[in-house]
Amino acid sequence: MSQTATALIAEQWAVGVFVLAVLTLCVFTAGVASLLGGRSWGRAKSLPFESGVVGAGSARQRFSVKFYLVAMLFVIFDIEAVFLFGWAVAVREVGWSGFWGAAVFILILLAGLIYDSRVGALDWAPRRRPPGPAT
């Protein structure tokens, strides 16, 4: 066997041992938690409790679809930071062609943001009715 094949096998064994160790740790932690965890049941046990505040109202509150649309747009436009960070790290290596590529990328994102703003995708609050006689 060649030296590169031996090194490749050694790397694969290391990954296998790591995955096995992680799985063993997960099973061990879940097992210990089930053995040592509390088993008390009651009305207060099933109440949601967050940050020291007992919840008021229903947990089944309905949100506008616009809220989720704004959240998805945030994720989409936030991913651009990952691409631009990679460009900023390698700015000296990519030179002017990389600069113009990043500029085109930013302009496309800006055009998408302007389009979303124009069609009302970023307006997730209900529109106010103009004052006038009620019908």
Protein backbone atom coordinates (compact mmCIF):
# COMPACT_ATOMS: atom_id res chain seq x y z
CA MET A 1 0.00 0.00 0.00
CA SER A 2 1.30 3.46 -0.81
CA GLN A 3 1.89 6.16 1.73
CA THR A 4 -1.00 8.33 0.45
CA ALA A 5 -3.45 5.44 0.74
CA THR A 6 -2.31 4.83 4.31
CA ALA A 7 -2.80 8.50 5.14
CA LEU A 8 -6.27 8.45 3.56
CA ILE A 9 -7.29 5.41 5.60
CA ALA A 10 -5.95 7.06 8.75
CA GLU A 11 -8.07 10.16 8.04
CA GLN A 12 -11.18 8.08 7.45
CA TRP A 13 -10.66 6.14 10.68
CA ALA A 14 -10.36 9.40 12.58
CA VAL A 15 -13.68 10.62 11.18
CA GLY A 16 -15.31 7.28 11.97
CA VAL A 17 -14.04 7.31 15.55
CA PHE A 18 -15.26 10.90 15.95
CA VAL A 19 -18.77 10.08 14.66
CA LEU A 20 -18.91 7.01 16.90
CA ALA A 21 -17.82 9.09 19.92
CA VAL A 22 -20.47 11.73 19.21
CA LEU A 23 -23.23 9.15 18.85
CA THR A 24 -22.11 7.39 22.04
CA LEU A 25 -22.09 10.70 23.93
CA CYS A 26 -25.61 11.55 22.66
CA VAL A 27 -27.02 8.17 23.66
CA PHE A 28 -25.27 8.35 27.05
CA THR A 29 -26.58 11.86 27.76
CA ALA A 30 -30.14 10.99 26.74
CA GLY A 31 -30.03 7.80 28.85
CA VAL A 32 -28.73 9.55 31.96
CA ALA A 33 -31.31 12.33 31.55
CA SER A 34 -34.14 9.80 31.33
CA LEU A 35 -32.88 7.96 34.41
CA LEU A 36 -32.19 11.00 36.58
CA GLY A 37 -34.86 13.35 35.27
CA GLY A 38 -37.91 14.31 37.28
CA ARG A 39 -41.13 12.43 36.75
CA SER A 40 -43.59 14.71 38.48
CA TRP A 41 -46.83 15.41 36.67
CA GLY A 42 -49.35 18.06 37.39
CA ARG A 43 -51.20 21.02 36.04
CA ALA A 44 -48.28 23.40 36.51
CA LYS A 45 -45.85 20.96 34.87
CA SER A 46 -47.53 21.28 31.49
CA LEU A 47 -47.72 25.09 31.47
CA PRO A 48 -45.32 26.91 29.15
CA PHE A 49 -42.75 28.92 31.12
CA GLU A 50 -40.26 31.22 29.50
CA SER A 51 -37.82 33.61 31.12
CA GLY A 52 -39.63 33.53 34.44
CA VAL A 53 -42.91 34.75 32.97
CA VAL A 54 -46.01 32.61 32.97
CA GLY A 55 -47.70 32.84 29.59
CA ALA A 56 -50.96 34.70 29.15
CA GLY A 57 -53.35 34.03 26.33
CA SER A 58 -53.33 31.31 23.74
CA ALA A 59 -50.17 29.91 22.20
CA ARG A 60 -52.13 29.43 18.99
CA GLN A 61 -52.00 33.11 18.06
CA ARG A 62 -52.32 33.73 14.34
CA PHE A 63 -49.73 35.79 12.52
CA SER A 64 -50.15 37.54 9.23
CA VAL A 65 -48.60 35.88 6.20
CA LYS A 66 -46.76 39.15 5.63
CA PHE A 67 -44.78 38.50 8.83
CA TYR A 68 -43.44 35.24 7.43
CA LEU A 69 -42.76 36.86 4.06
CA VAL A 70 -40.63 39.55 5.71
CA ALA A 71 -38.81 36.84 7.68
CA MET A 72 -38.03 34.89 4.50
CA LEU A 73 -36.85 38.03 2.73
CA PHE A 74 -34.61 38.80 5.70
CA VAL A 75 -33.01 35.37 5.43
CA ILE A 76 -32.54 35.71 1.67
CA PHE A 77 -30.97 39.15 1.91
CA ASP A 78 -28.94 38.14 4.95
CA ILE A 79 -27.24 35.35 3.01
CA GLU A 80 -25.63 38.03 0.87
CA ALA A 81 -23.45 38.89 3.86
CA VAL A 82 -21.92 35.40 3.70
CA PHE A 83 -21.03 35.81 0.04
CA LEU A 84 -19.69 39.32 0.52
CA PHE A 85 -17.62 38.23 3.52
CA GLY A 86 -15.94 35.59 1.37
CA TRP A 87 -15.27 38.23 -1.27
CA ALA A 88 -13.85 40.63 1.33
CA VAL A 89 -11.47 37.97 2.63
CA ALA A 90 -10.15 37.25 -0.85
CA VAL A 91 -10.32 40.80 -2.24
CA ARG A 92 -6.59 40.95 -3.07
CA GLU A 93 -6.62 37.61 -4.89
CA VAL A 94 -9.70 38.28 -7.03
CA GLY A 95 -8.64 41.76 -8.13
CA TRP A 96 -10.81 44.04 -10.23
CA SER A 97 -12.77 41.21 -11.83
CA GLY A 98 -13.85 40.10 -8.37
CA PHE A 99 -14.73 43.68 -7.49
CA TRP A 100 -16.97 44.04 -10.53
CA GLY A 101 -18.52 40.65 -9.87
CA ALA A 102 -19.37 41.71 -6.31
CA ALA A 103 -20.71 45.05 -7.61
CA VAL A 104 -23.04 43.25 -10.05
CA PHE A 105 -24.14 40.92 -7.23
CA ILE A 106 -24.96 43.89 -4.99
CA LEU A 107 -26.82 45.67 -7.81
CA ILE A 108 -28.96 42.58 -8.47
CA LEU A 109 -29.78 42.35 -4.76
CA LEU A 110 -30.57 46.07 -4.66
CA ALA A 111 -32.89 45.68 -7.65
CA GLY A 112 -34.65 42.80 -5.86
CA LEU A 113 -35.01 44.88 -2.71
CA ILE A 114 -36.47 47.81 -4.65
CA TYR A 115 -38.88 45.46 -6.43
CA ASP A 116 -39.97 43.92 -3.11
CA SER A 117 -40.52 47.37 -1.69
CA ARG A 118 -42.58 48.51 -4.69
CA VAL A 119 -44.90 45.48 -4.69
CA GLY A 120 -45.48 45.88 -0.95
CA ALA A 121 -43.70 42.74 0.21
CA LEU A 122 -41.98 44.69 2.98
CA ASP A 123 -45.19 46.28 4.28
CA TRP A 124 -46.31 43.70 6.80
CA ALA A 125 -48.47 46.01 8.87
CA PRO A 126 -52.09 46.43 7.79
CA ARG A 127 -52.80 49.47 5.68
CA ARG A 128 -54.61 52.33 7.37
CA ARG A 129 -57.95 53.27 6.01
CA PRO A 130 -58.40 56.90 5.04
CA PRO A 131 -60.69 58.81 7.40
CA GLY A 132 -64.17 59.12 6.08
CA PRO A 133 -67.72 57.97 6.62
CA ALA A 134 -68.06 54.37 7.79
CA THR A 135 -69.93 52.10 5.41
